[in-house]
Amino acid sequence: MAIPPAAREAAPGRGEFRILLVCTANICRSAMAQVIAQAMLHSAPLPVVTASAGVRAMAGHPMAPHAITALDRLGLNGRAHRARPLDPALIGASDLLLTMETGHRAVAVGLDPRAAGKTFTLPEFAELAAGAGHRRYRSDTVDRARAIVQSAAERRAAVQPLEVYDPYGGPPQGYETCAKTLGQSLSHALAALLGPR
């Protein structure tokens, strides 16, 4: 599910948790991540909406062919994806931004400085969110998910966070490795946000 245009101008929805995945062109890493996340969230008890964008995306471009093939191998379909550029409205409508590189995070925060506390590289958030239980909230609530994001921001280290390697322009195996990396990080991140199942 993508964030609908009418909702982009609004603050994060009270009844749903919105994740924006960000990379460079939005035809490879963030595009694959969105498809993988949607599959993982298929039966989630918490209403989570995912979207993706690129800091230098050309609107309307399809997913890279090797990325589509990598998803095919996982039983997922990325053919409907179309790239879109990152903008302040998308950032403002999101509860959590997961970028592939620190440079993408810098662009997002540059577009909206208020996003600093909710923007992480994907591997960074997966690590920070693990074990950040918030017992005062039920495990399947939006408030709990937002508290996890706040806790992760408070525990962010000054060290350079891990990034997701860009396979664009490389061999098909690189895309498959990237898809597996995305799946592992998303699994940890989403498990933390959704709470005990």
C-alpha atoms as a PDB file:
ATOM      1  CA  MET A   1       0.000   0.000   0.000  1.00  0.00           C
ATOM      2  CA  ALA A   2       1.348   3.389  -0.918  1.00  0.00           C
ATOM      3  CA  ILE A   3       0.588   6.548   1.001  1.00  0.00           C
ATOM      4  CA  PRO A   4      -2.346   8.088  -0.904  1.00  0.00           C
ATOM      5  CA  PRO A   5      -1.758  11.566  -2.388  1.00  0.00           C
ATOM      6  CA  ALA A   6      -4.411  13.198  -0.197  1.00  0.00           C
ATOM      7  CA  ALA A   7      -2.695  11.900   2.929  1.00  0.00           C
ATOM      8  CA  ARG A   8       0.750  13.166   2.036  1.00  0.00           C
ATOM      9  CA  GLU A   9       0.094  16.649   3.344  1.00  0.00           C
ATOM     10  CA  ALA A  10      -1.194  15.389   6.683  1.00  0.00           C
ATOM     11  CA  ALA A  11       0.688  14.584   9.836  1.00  0.00           C
ATOM     12  CA  PRO A  12       1.248  10.886  10.505  1.00  0.00           C
ATOM     13  CA  GLY A  13      -2.097   9.126  10.809  1.00  0.00           C
ATOM     14  CA  ARG A  14      -3.332   8.366  14.308  1.00  0.00           C
ATOM     15  CA  GLY A  15      -4.702   4.966  13.366  1.00  0.00           C
ATOM     16  CA  GLU A  16      -1.840   3.664  11.250  1.00  0.00           C
ATOM     17  CA  PHE A  17       1.929   3.573  11.294  1.00  0.00           C
ATOM     18  CA  ARG A  18       3.631   4.815   8.123  1.00  0.00           C
ATOM     19  CA  ILE A  19       7.056   3.664   6.962  1.00  0.00           C
ATOM     20  CA  LEU A  20       8.879   5.375   4.097  1.00  0.00           C
ATOM     21  CA  LEU A  21      11.800   3.480   2.517  1.00  0.00           C
ATOM     22  CA  VAL A  22      14.374   5.660   0.768  1.00  0.00           C
ATOM     23  CA  CYS A  23      17.276   5.057  -1.621  1.00  0.00           C
ATOM     24  CA  THR A  24      18.804   6.895  -4.579  1.00  0.00           C
ATOM     25  CA  ALA A  25      16.609   6.260  -7.636  1.00  0.00           C
ATOM     26  CA  ASN A  26      13.765   4.235  -6.049  1.00  0.00           C
ATOM     27  CA  ILE A  27      14.153   1.476  -8.639  1.00  0.00           C
ATOM     28  CA  CYS A  28      16.274  -0.990  -6.682  1.00  0.00           C
ATOM     29  CA  ARG A  29      16.877  -1.049  -2.916  1.00  0.00           C
ATOM     30  CA  SER A  30      13.929   0.946  -1.542  1.00  0.00           C
ATOM     31  CA  ALA A  31      11.638  -0.504  -4.208  1.00  0.00           C
ATOM     32  CA  MET A  32      12.593  -4.080  -3.293  1.00  0.00           C
ATOM     33  CA  ALA A  33      12.372  -3.215   0.405  1.00  0.00           C
ATOM     34  CA  GLN A  34       8.816  -1.944   0.007  1.00  0.00           C
ATOM     35  CA  VAL A  35       7.669  -5.140  -1.740  1.00  0.00           C
ATOM     36  CA  ILE A  36       9.413  -7.321   0.873  1.00  0.00           C
ATOM     37  CA  ALA A  37       7.978  -5.272   3.766  1.00  0.00           C
ATOM     38  CA  GLN A  38       4.457  -5.480   2.343  1.00  0.00           C
ATOM     39  CA  ALA A  39       4.766  -9.260   2.142  1.00  0.00           C
ATOM     40  CA  MET A  40       5.971  -9.415   5.744  1.00  0.00           C
ATOM     41  CA  LEU A  41       3.127  -7.176   6.897  1.00  0.00           C
ATOM     42  CA  HIS A  42       0.422  -9.151   5.088  1.00  0.00           C
ATOM     43  CA  SER A  43      -1.199 -10.410   8.292  1.00  0.00           C
ATOM     44  CA  ALA A  44       0.213  -7.907  10.779  1.00  0.00           C
ATOM     45  CA  PRO A  45      -2.056  -6.984  13.710  1.00  0.00           C
ATOM     46  CA  LEU A  46      -0.936  -3.351  13.451  1.00  0.00           C
ATOM     47  CA  PRO A  47      -2.073  -1.217  10.489  1.00  0.00           C
ATOM     48  CA  VAL A  48       1.236  -0.374   8.787  1.00  0.00           C
ATOM     49  CA  VAL A  49       1.391   1.524   5.497  1.00  0.00           C
ATOM     50  CA  THR A  50       4.588   1.396   3.443  1.00  0.00           C
ATOM     51  CA  ALA A  51       5.833   3.669   0.682  1.00  0.00           C
ATOM     52  CA  SER A  52       9.161   4.274  -1.021  1.00  0.00           C
ATOM     53  CA  ALA A  53      10.964   7.132  -2.725  1.00  0.00           C
ATOM     54  CA  GLY A  54      14.367   8.131  -4.058  1.00  0.00           C
ATOM     55  CA  VAL A  55      16.512  11.180  -3.385  1.00  0.00           C
ATOM     56  CA  ARG A  56      17.279  11.385  -7.139  1.00  0.00           C
ATOM     57  CA  ALA A  57      14.351   9.396  -8.540  1.00  0.00           C
ATOM     58  CA  MET A  58      12.879  10.016 -11.965  1.00  0.00           C
ATOM     59  CA  ALA A  59       9.129   9.748 -11.475  1.00  0.00           C
ATOM     60  CA  GLY A  60       7.471   6.809 -13.160  1.00  0.00           C
ATOM     61  CA  HIS A  61      10.524   4.636 -13.815  1.00  0.00           C
ATOM     62  CA  PRO A  62       9.930   0.900 -13.298  1.00  0.00           C
ATOM     63  CA  MET A  63      11.944  -1.271 -10.957  1.00  0.00           C
ATOM     64  CA  ALA A  64      15.325  -2.390 -12.304  1.00  0.00           C
ATOM     65  CA  PRO A  65      15.001  -5.711 -14.196  1.00  0.00           C
ATOM     66  CA  HIS A  66      17.491  -7.580 -11.984  1.00  0.00           C
ATOM     67  CA  ALA A  67      15.612  -6.334  -8.914  1.00  0.00           C
ATOM     68  CA  ILE A  68      12.383  -7.751 -10.325  1.00  0.00           C
ATOM     69  CA  THR A  69      14.131 -11.074 -10.936  1.00  0.00           C
ATOM     70  CA  ALA A  70      15.535 -11.117  -7.392  1.00  0.00           C
ATOM     71  CA  LEU A  71      12.023 -10.612  -6.022  1.00  0.00           C
ATOM     72  CA  ASP A  72      10.673 -13.294  -8.362  1.00  0.00           C
ATOM     73  CA  ARG A  73      13.087 -15.746  -6.742  1.00  0.00           C
ATOM     74  CA  LEU A  74      11.486 -14.897  -3.381  1.00  0.00           C
ATOM     75  CA  GLY A  75       7.992 -15.417  -4.778  1.00  0.00           C
ATOM     76  CA  LEU A  76       7.296 -11.665  -4.812  1.00  0.00           C
ATOM     77  CA  ASN A  77       6.256  -9.337  -7.620  1.00  0.00           C
ATOM     78  CA  GLY A  78       7.756  -5.878  -8.163  1.00  0.00           C
ATOM     79  CA  ARG A  79       6.410  -5.215 -11.654  1.00  0.00           C
ATOM     80  CA  ALA A  80       3.812  -2.655 -10.576  1.00  0.00           C
ATOM     81  CA  HIS A  81       6.383  -0.414  -8.885  1.00  0.00           C
ATOM     82  CA  ARG A  82       6.983   3.084 -10.252  1.00  0.00           C
ATOM     83  CA  ALA A  83       9.660   5.392  -8.887  1.00  0.00           C
ATOM     84  CA  ARG A  84       8.907   8.674  -7.197  1.00  0.00           C
ATOM     85  CA  PRO A  85      11.114  11.416  -5.804  1.00  0.00           C
ATOM     86  CA  LEU A  86      11.444  12.107  -2.103  1.00  0.00           C
ATOM     87  CA  ASP A  87       9.675  15.295  -1.055  1.00  0.00           C
ATOM     88  CA  PRO A  88       8.786  17.087   2.197  1.00  0.00           C
ATOM     89  CA  ALA A  89       5.144  15.966   2.047  1.00  0.00           C
ATOM     90  CA  LEU A  90       6.111  12.270   1.968  1.00  0.00           C
ATOM     91  CA  ILE A  91       8.536  12.839   4.828  1.00  0.00           C
ATOM     92  CA  GLY A  92       5.966  14.698   6.916  1.00  0.00           C
ATOM     93  CA  ALA A  93       3.340  11.990   6.394  1.00  0.00           C
ATOM     94  CA  SER A  94       5.661   9.240   7.664  1.00  0.00           C
ATOM     95  CA  ASP A  95       6.262   7.926  11.176  1.00  0.00           C
ATOM     96  CA  LEU A  96       9.567   6.282  10.245  1.00  0.00           C
ATOM     97  CA  LEU A  97      12.016   6.770   7.381  1.00  0.00           C
ATOM     98  CA  LEU A  98      14.368   3.883   6.647  1.00  0.00           C
ATOM     99  CA  THR A  99      17.140   4.853   4.265  1.00  0.00           C
ATOM    100  CA  MET A 100      19.710   2.685   2.552  1.00  0.00           C
ATOM    101  CA  GLU A 101      22.664   5.043   3.138  1.00  0.00           C
ATOM    102  CA  THR A 102      23.590   7.840   5.518  1.00  0.00           C
ATOM    103  CA  GLY A 103      23.619  10.215   2.537  1.00  0.00           C
ATOM    104  CA  HIS A 104      19.939   9.494   1.946  1.00  0.00           C
ATOM    105  CA  ARG A 105      19.249  10.271   5.589  1.00  0.00           C
ATOM    106  CA  ALA A 106      21.051  13.595   5.234  1.00  0.00           C
ATOM    107  CA  VAL A 107      18.914  14.525   2.217  1.00  0.00           C
ATOM    108  CA  ALA A 108      15.688  13.648   4.048  1.00  0.00           C
ATOM    109  CA  VAL A 109      16.651  15.680   7.121  1.00  0.00           C
ATOM    110  CA  GLY A 110      17.741  18.528   4.846  1.00  0.00           C
ATOM    111  CA  LEU A 111      14.275  18.571   3.282  1.00  0.00           C
ATOM    112  CA  ASP A 112      12.582  18.437   6.689  1.00  0.00           C
ATOM    113  CA  PRO A 113      14.797  18.950   9.779  1.00  0.00           C
ATOM    114  CA  ARG A 114      11.943  17.691  11.986  1.00  0.00           C
ATOM    115  CA  ALA A 115      12.564  14.237  10.508  1.00  0.00           C
ATOM    116  CA  ALA A 116      15.932  13.827  12.268  1.00  0.00           C
ATOM    117  CA  GLY A 117      14.459  11.776  15.107  1.00  0.00           C
ATOM    118  CA  LYS A 118      12.561   9.381  12.847  1.00  0.00           C
ATOM    119  CA  THR A 119      15.121   8.783  10.083  1.00  0.00           C
ATOM    120  CA  PHE A 120      17.645   5.933  10.217  1.00  0.00           C
ATOM    121  CA  THR A 121      19.475   3.667   7.852  1.00  0.00           C
ATOM    122  CA  LEU A 122      17.567   0.389   7.692  1.00  0.00           C
ATOM    123  CA  PRO A 123      20.321  -1.720   9.319  1.00  0.00           C
ATOM    124  CA  GLU A 124      20.813   0.951  11.989  1.00  0.00           C
ATOM    125  CA  PHE A 125      17.140   0.931  12.959  1.00  0.00           C
ATOM    126  CA  ALA A 126      16.967  -2.867  12.896  1.00  0.00           C
ATOM    127  CA  GLU A 127      19.796  -2.948  15.440  1.00  0.00           C
ATOM    128  CA  LEU A 128      18.548  -0.081  17.628  1.00  0.00           C
ATOM    129  CA  ALA A 129      14.953  -1.268  17.741  1.00  0.00           C
ATOM    130  CA  ALA A 130      15.808  -4.826  18.741  1.00  0.00           C
ATOM    131  CA  GLY A 131      14.980  -5.321  22.405  1.00  0.00           C
ATOM    132  CA  ALA A 132      13.446  -1.870  22.810  1.00  0.00           C
ATOM    133  CA  GLY A 133      10.270  -3.173  24.419  1.00  0.00           C
ATOM    134  CA  HIS A 134       7.748  -0.653  25.684  1.00  0.00           C
ATOM    135  CA  ARG A 135       5.633  -2.489  28.215  1.00  0.00           C
ATOM    136  CA  ARG A 136       3.270   0.391  28.912  1.00  0.00           C
ATOM    137  CA  TYR A 137       1.760  -0.102  25.461  1.00  0.00           C
ATOM    138  CA  ARG A 138      -0.068  -3.104  24.048  1.00  0.00           C
ATOM    139  CA  SER A 139       2.191  -4.867  21.572  1.00  0.00           C
ATOM    140  CA  ASP A 140       0.044  -4.131  18.531  1.00  0.00           C
ATOM    141  CA  THR A 141      -0.529  -0.395  18.879  1.00  0.00           C
ATOM    142  CA  VAL A 142       0.629   2.547  16.800  1.00  0.00           C
ATOM    143  CA  ASP A 143       1.636   4.367  20.002  1.00  0.00           C
ATOM    144  CA  ARG A 144       4.002   1.535  20.882  1.00  0.00           C
ATOM    145  CA  ALA A 145       5.555   1.584  17.402  1.00  0.00           C
ATOM    146  CA  ARG A 146       6.108   5.344  17.671  1.00  0.00           C
ATOM    147  CA  ALA A 147       7.660   4.869  21.123  1.00  0.00           C
ATOM    148  CA  ILE A 148      10.096   2.340  19.617  1.00  0.00           C
ATOM    149  CA  VAL A 149      11.160   4.945  17.034  1.00  0.00           C
ATOM    150  CA  GLN A 150      11.662   7.572  19.755  1.00  0.00           C
ATOM    151  CA  SER A 151      13.666   5.134  21.869  1.00  0.00           C
ATOM    152  CA  ALA A 152      15.848   4.232  18.894  1.00  0.00           C
ATOM    153  CA  ALA A 153      16.539   7.920  18.233  1.00  0.00           C
ATOM    154  CA  GLU A 154      17.533   8.465  21.859  1.00  0.00           C
ATOM    155  CA  ARG A 155      19.969   5.541  21.733  1.00  0.00           C
ATOM    156  CA  ARG A 156      21.508   6.428  18.381  1.00  0.00           C
ATOM    157  CA  ALA A 157      25.280   6.224  18.510  1.00  0.00           C
ATOM    158  CA  ALA A 158      27.692   8.772  17.109  1.00  0.00           C
ATOM    159  CA  VAL A 159      29.365   6.079  15.006  1.00  0.00           C
ATOM    160  CA  GLN A 160      28.730   5.669  11.295  1.00  0.00           C
ATOM    161  CA  PRO A 161      25.713   3.348  10.921  1.00  0.00           C
ATOM    162  CA  LEU A 162      25.623   0.346   8.629  1.00  0.00           C
ATOM    163  CA  GLU A 163      24.298   0.836   5.105  1.00  0.00           C
ATOM    164  CA  VAL A 164      22.718  -1.369   2.429  1.00  0.00           C
ATOM    165  CA  TYR A 165      25.035  -2.042  -0.520  1.00  0.00           C
ATOM    166  CA  ASP A 166      23.775  -0.731  -3.882  1.00  0.00           C
ATOM    167  CA  PRO A 167      23.757  -3.526  -6.488  1.00  0.00           C
ATOM    168  CA  TYR A 168      22.670  -1.240  -9.342  1.00  0.00           C
ATOM    169  CA  GLY A 169      24.699  -1.858 -12.493  1.00  0.00           C
ATOM    170  CA  GLY A 170      26.183  -5.047 -11.114  1.00  0.00           C
ATOM    171  CA  PRO A 171      25.473  -8.736 -11.748  1.00  0.00           C
ATOM    172  CA  PRO A 172      22.163 -10.423 -10.854  1.00  0.00           C
ATOM    173  CA  GLN A 173      23.755 -12.096  -7.821  1.00  0.00           C
ATOM    174  CA  GLY A 174      24.280  -8.686  -6.240  1.00  0.00           C
ATOM    175  CA  TYR A 175      20.550  -7.975  -6.382  1.00  0.00           C
ATOM    176  CA  GLU A 176      19.770 -11.334  -4.807  1.00  0.00           C
ATOM    177  CA  THR A 177      22.248 -10.665  -2.013  1.00  0.00           C
ATOM    178  CA  CYS A 178      20.732  -7.199  -1.525  1.00  0.00           C
ATOM    179  CA  ALA A 179      17.213  -8.647  -1.347  1.00  0.00           C
ATOM    180  CA  LYS A 180      18.336 -11.103   1.351  1.00  0.00           C
ATOM    181  CA  THR A 181      20.018  -8.294   3.306  1.00  0.00           C
ATOM    182  CA  LEU A 182      16.855  -6.194   3.062  1.00  0.00           C
ATOM    183  CA  GLY A 183      14.747  -9.124   4.213  1.00  0.00           C
ATOM    184  CA  GLN A 184      16.927  -9.764   7.248  1.00  0.00           C
ATOM    185  CA  SER A 185      16.970  -6.121   8.355  1.00  0.00           C
ATOM    186  CA  LEU A 186      13.258  -5.649   7.714  1.00  0.00           C
ATOM    187  CA  SER A 187      12.457  -8.804   9.651  1.00  0.00           C
ATOM    188  CA  HIS A 188      14.222  -7.437  12.736  1.00  0.00           C
ATOM    189  CA  ALA A 189      12.825  -3.909  12.331  1.00  0.00           C
ATOM    190  CA  LEU A 190       9.235  -5.010  11.817  1.00  0.00           C
ATOM    191  CA  ALA A 191       9.374  -7.549  14.625  1.00  0.00           C
ATOM    192  CA  ALA A 192      10.436  -4.767  16.996  1.00  0.00           C
ATOM    193  CA  LEU A 193       7.690  -2.423  15.791  1.00  0.00           C
ATOM    194  CA  LEU A 194       4.930  -5.019  15.884  1.00  0.00           C
ATOM    195  CA  GLY A 195       5.921  -6.462  19.242  1.00  0.00           C
ATOM    196  CA  PRO A 196       5.578 -10.036  20.513  1.00  0.00           C
ATOM    197  CA  ARG A 197       3.340 -12.188  18.310  1.00  0.00           C
END
